[in-house]
Amino acid sequence: VAGIGSCEELLGRAEQRPEVRQALLSKRISEENLAAGRLGQPYELKPLVSYDMSNGAFGLGLDMTKVKDGTTGSLSASLRVEQSGQWSMHASFATSLGGADSAISRAVAIRNAEAELRVAESNLLQARDDAHDKIRTSWADVAAKAARYDLQLALLERELLNYTTVQARAELGGATHADVAEAQFAYVQAEAAAHRALYDWQLAYVRLLAAVGDYEVLGQLEG
């Protein structure tokens, strides 16, 4: 349709529809969740504050913990000041097996994340298909309404020509007042039909903009 673009061009803009953008965002979140699940838990850092009542030593430190494949590793380091005012550095590393439950839990979490990603991909595909169907239907409707409007304009031009011709014949005595009234009525009917066709075309165009998701242009039209 002239001034609108081809249907294929509009299909390429379906990504801006809200439901498609939402489905795309859900897919990206699912991909990130799956990647995080496969990578394992990140390192967790915790501050350490200690006080030894037996010797009055006060310490500040940091504990770093990593869980991977059912194994927990912890590295702790602290800087302590004794009652005597002397400073001392303490560090320790510990590792433990979380057992089969930890590995199974992680595997289940990964499978769940994979399932969520498949659902998100399916939802995105469905959202795109629905958007494309709406755009194709709306574009075809605009094309039909535009052709109808062109036809009504041609009919209006014909009735106007006929009306002026009958008027001229009536002035020469070749047509009656009834003939003039009939030609005028046909012209008024054609004019009303042209206005209706224009309205139908404009309404179809607005629906096409909504199907594409071009709400910026819609806002300009409303303004």
Protein backbone atom coordinates (compact mmCIF):
# COMPACT_ATOMS: atom_id res chain seq x y z
CA VAL A 1 0.00 0.00 0.00
CA ALA A 2 1.45 3.34 -1.02
CA GLY A 3 2.79 5.39 1.87
CA ILE A 4 2.69 2.47 4.31
CA GLY A 5 5.29 0.06 3.02
CA SER A 6 5.19 -3.55 1.99
CA CYS A 7 3.81 -6.24 4.25
CA GLU A 8 7.27 -7.79 4.60
CA GLU A 9 8.67 -4.46 5.80
CA LEU A 10 6.00 -4.23 8.46
CA LEU A 11 6.59 -7.81 9.57
CA GLY A 12 10.15 -6.81 10.38
CA ARG A 13 8.80 -4.28 12.87
CA ALA A 14 6.77 -6.84 14.83
CA GLU A 15 9.52 -6.95 17.47
CA GLN A 16 8.27 -3.67 18.91
CA ARG A 17 4.89 -5.11 19.91
CA PRO A 18 4.61 -5.27 23.75
CA GLU A 19 3.88 -9.00 23.91
CA VAL A 20 6.87 -9.78 21.69
CA ARG A 21 9.19 -7.56 23.75
CA GLN A 22 7.94 -9.20 26.94
CA ALA A 23 8.43 -12.69 25.53
CA LEU A 24 11.93 -11.75 24.36
CA LEU A 25 12.81 -10.40 27.81
CA SER A 26 11.53 -13.59 29.47
CA LYS A 27 13.70 -15.66 27.13
CA ARG A 28 16.79 -13.61 27.97
CA ILE A 29 16.12 -13.98 31.70
CA SER A 30 15.72 -17.75 31.26
CA GLU A 31 19.00 -17.90 29.34
CA GLU A 32 20.78 -16.01 32.11
CA ASN A 33 19.28 -18.26 34.78
CA LEU A 34 20.40 -21.37 32.90
CA ALA A 35 23.91 -19.98 32.38
CA ALA A 36 24.16 -19.15 36.08
CA GLY A 37 22.93 -22.63 37.00
CA ARG A 38 25.50 -24.33 34.78
CA LEU A 39 28.28 -22.11 36.05
CA GLY A 40 27.43 -22.80 39.65
CA GLN A 41 27.05 -20.47 42.58
CA PRO A 42 29.36 -17.45 42.59
CA TYR A 43 31.77 -16.82 45.40
CA GLU A 44 30.10 -15.49 48.50
CA LEU A 45 32.04 -12.99 50.60
CA LYS A 46 31.23 -12.45 54.26
CA PRO A 47 32.91 -10.07 56.74
CA LEU A 48 34.32 -11.60 59.91
CA VAL A 49 34.41 -9.87 63.29
CA SER A 50 35.78 -11.78 66.26
CA TYR A 51 36.72 -11.22 69.88
CA ASP A 52 38.60 -13.74 71.98
CA MET A 53 37.59 -13.34 75.64
CA SER A 54 40.48 -15.52 76.83
CA ASN A 55 43.17 -13.19 75.59
CA GLY A 56 41.21 -10.05 74.64
CA ALA A 57 42.20 -10.32 70.99
CA PHE A 58 39.99 -8.46 68.52
CA GLY A 59 39.97 -9.43 64.85
CA LEU A 60 38.61 -8.29 61.51
CA GLY A 61 38.60 -10.49 58.43
CA LEU A 62 36.88 -11.87 55.38
CA ASP A 63 35.37 -15.28 54.60
CA MET A 64 35.05 -16.43 50.97
CA THR A 65 32.89 -19.46 50.22
CA LYS A 66 32.41 -21.34 46.95
CA VAL A 67 30.02 -24.23 46.32
CA LYS A 68 30.55 -26.32 43.18
CA ASP A 69 29.60 -29.85 42.21
CA GLY A 70 28.57 -30.77 45.74
CA THR A 71 31.87 -29.55 47.24
CA THR A 72 32.08 -26.56 49.56
CA GLY A 73 35.34 -24.64 49.85
CA SER A 74 35.87 -21.84 52.34
CA LEU A 75 38.86 -19.51 52.68
CA SER A 76 38.99 -17.31 55.75
CA ALA A 77 41.54 -14.61 56.52
CA SER A 78 41.61 -12.24 59.48
CA LEU A 79 43.84 -9.58 60.98
CA ARG A 80 43.94 -9.65 64.80
CA VAL A 81 45.30 -7.28 67.41
CA GLU A 82 46.34 -8.72 70.74
CA GLN A 83 46.04 -7.07 74.17
CA SER A 84 49.72 -6.36 73.95
CA GLY A 85 49.10 -4.27 70.86
CA GLN A 86 50.75 -6.72 68.52
CA TRP A 87 49.10 -7.56 65.18
CA SER A 88 48.80 -11.08 63.78
CA MET A 89 47.47 -12.55 60.55
CA HIS A 90 45.38 -15.71 60.52
CA ALA A 91 44.21 -17.67 57.50
CA SER A 92 42.44 -21.01 57.10
CA PHE A 93 41.01 -23.11 54.31
CA ALA A 94 38.40 -25.80 54.68
CA THR A 95 36.66 -28.04 52.19
CA SER A 96 33.83 -30.50 52.63
CA LEU A 97 31.74 -32.77 50.48
CA GLY A 98 28.12 -31.80 50.35
CA GLY A 99 27.14 -35.31 49.43
CA ALA A 100 24.92 -36.57 46.65
CA ASP A 101 22.04 -34.31 47.69
CA SER A 102 23.92 -31.16 46.66
CA ALA A 103 24.84 -32.54 43.24
CA ILE A 104 21.31 -33.81 42.65
CA SER A 105 19.83 -30.49 43.72
CA ARG A 106 22.06 -28.62 41.29
CA ALA A 107 21.19 -31.03 38.46
CA VAL A 108 17.47 -30.57 39.16
CA ALA A 109 17.90 -26.79 39.16
CA ILE A 110 19.64 -26.96 35.76
CA ARG A 111 16.89 -29.17 34.31
CA ASN A 112 14.24 -26.77 35.59
CA ALA A 113 16.12 -23.84 34.06
CA GLU A 114 16.35 -25.70 30.74
CA ALA A 115 12.61 -26.39 30.83
CA GLU A 116 11.87 -22.74 31.60
CA LEU A 117 14.03 -21.70 28.65
CA ARG A 118 12.16 -24.06 26.30
CA VAL A 119 8.85 -22.59 27.48
CA ALA A 120 10.18 -19.05 27.01
CA GLU A 121 11.38 -19.89 23.48
CA SER A 122 7.99 -21.39 22.64
CA ASN A 123 6.19 -18.34 24.01
CA LEU A 124 8.40 -16.02 21.98
CA LEU A 125 7.76 -18.00 18.80
CA GLN A 126 4.01 -17.93 19.47
CA ALA A 127 4.05 -14.19 20.18
CA ARG A 128 5.89 -13.53 16.91
CA ASP A 129 3.52 -15.74 14.93
CA ASP A 130 0.48 -14.00 16.42
CA ALA A 131 1.98 -10.58 15.69
CA HIS A 132 2.74 -11.56 12.09
CA ASP A 133 -0.81 -12.87 11.59
CA LYS A 134 -2.27 -9.60 12.89
CA ILE A 135 -0.01 -7.53 10.67
CA ARG A 136 -0.80 -9.56 7.54
CA THR A 137 -4.55 -9.37 8.19
CA SER A 138 -4.43 -5.64 8.95
CA TRP A 139 -2.24 -4.88 5.93
CA ALA A 140 -4.62 -6.75 3.61
CA ASP A 141 -7.57 -4.87 5.11
CA VAL A 142 -5.84 -1.51 4.53
CA ALA A 143 -5.11 -2.48 0.92
CA ALA A 144 -8.74 -3.45 0.35
CA LYS A 145 -10.05 -0.27 2.00
CA ALA A 146 -7.66 1.88 -0.02
CA ALA A 147 -8.82 0.27 -3.27
CA ARG A 148 -12.42 0.80 -2.21
CA TYR A 149 -11.76 4.46 -1.53
CA ASP A 150 -10.14 4.91 -4.96
CA LEU A 151 -13.20 3.31 -6.55
CA GLN A 152 -15.58 5.60 -4.67
CA LEU A 153 -13.58 8.65 -5.74
CA ALA A 154 -13.87 7.53 -9.36
CA LEU A 155 -17.64 7.04 -8.95
CA LEU A 156 -17.92 10.44 -7.29
CA GLU A 157 -16.12 12.07 -10.19
CA ARG A 158 -18.45 10.31 -12.65
CA GLU A 159 -21.59 11.43 -10.78
CA LEU A 160 -20.30 14.99 -10.55
CA LEU A 161 -19.71 15.02 -14.29
CA ASN A 162 -23.19 13.60 -14.89
CA TYR A 163 -24.77 16.17 -12.57
CA THR A 164 -23.11 19.12 -14.30
CA THR A 165 -24.03 17.68 -17.68
CA VAL A 166 -27.70 17.31 -16.74
CA GLN A 167 -27.69 20.84 -15.37
CA ALA A 168 -26.34 22.15 -18.66
CA ARG A 169 -28.93 20.18 -20.63
CA ALA A 170 -31.70 21.51 -18.39
CA GLU A 171 -30.62 25.09 -19.15
CA LEU A 172 -30.99 24.26 -22.86
CA GLY A 173 -34.33 22.56 -22.32
CA GLY A 174 -32.98 19.07 -22.92
CA ALA A 175 -33.63 17.82 -19.35
CA THR A 176 -36.34 18.32 -16.76
CA HIS A 177 -36.07 19.50 -13.16
CA ALA A 178 -36.73 15.91 -12.13
CA ASP A 179 -33.70 14.80 -14.16
CA VAL A 180 -31.57 17.43 -12.42
CA ALA A 181 -32.84 16.40 -8.98
CA GLU A 182 -32.14 12.74 -9.73
CA ALA A 183 -28.59 13.50 -10.90
CA GLN A 184 -27.98 15.68 -7.85
CA PHE A 185 -29.22 12.91 -5.54
CA ALA A 186 -26.90 10.39 -7.20
CA TYR A 187 -24.00 12.80 -6.75
CA VAL A 188 -24.79 13.35 -3.03
CA GLN A 189 -25.00 9.59 -2.51
CA ALA A 190 -21.62 9.10 -4.21
CA GLU A 191 -20.12 11.85 -2.07
CA ALA A 192 -21.40 10.21 1.13
CA ALA A 193 -20.07 6.83 -0.03
CA ALA A 194 -16.66 8.39 -0.66
CA HIS A 195 -16.60 9.85 2.86
CA ARG A 196 -17.50 6.47 4.34
CA ALA A 197 -14.79 4.78 2.28
CA LEU A 198 -12.25 7.34 3.49
CA TYR A 199 -13.26 6.76 7.11
CA ASP A 200 -13.01 2.98 6.68
CA TRP A 201 -9.55 3.34 5.14
CA GLN A 202 -8.34 5.61 7.98
CA LEU A 203 -9.73 3.22 10.60
CA ALA A 204 -7.99 0.26 8.93
CA TYR A 205 -4.75 2.26 8.87
CA VAL A 206 -4.99 2.95 12.61
CA ARG A 207 -5.60 -0.76 13.24
CA LEU A 208 -2.53 -1.58 11.18
CA LEU A 209 -0.41 0.81 13.26
CA ALA A 210 -1.69 -0.90 16.40
CA ALA A 211 -0.91 -4.33 14.93
CA VAL A 212 2.64 -3.21 14.13
CA GLY A 213 3.00 -1.63 17.57
CA ASP A 214 3.77 1.86 16.27
CA TYR A 215 2.23 3.66 19.23
CA GLU A 216 4.30 6.79 18.66
CA VAL A 217 2.53 7.47 15.36
CA LEU A 218 -0.80 6.56 16.94
CA GLY A 219 -0.18 9.18 19.61
CA GLN A 220 0.57 11.77 16.95
CA LEU A 221 -2.68 10.92 15.15
CA GLU A 222 -4.64 11.29 18.37
CA GLY A 223 -2.99 14.65 18.99
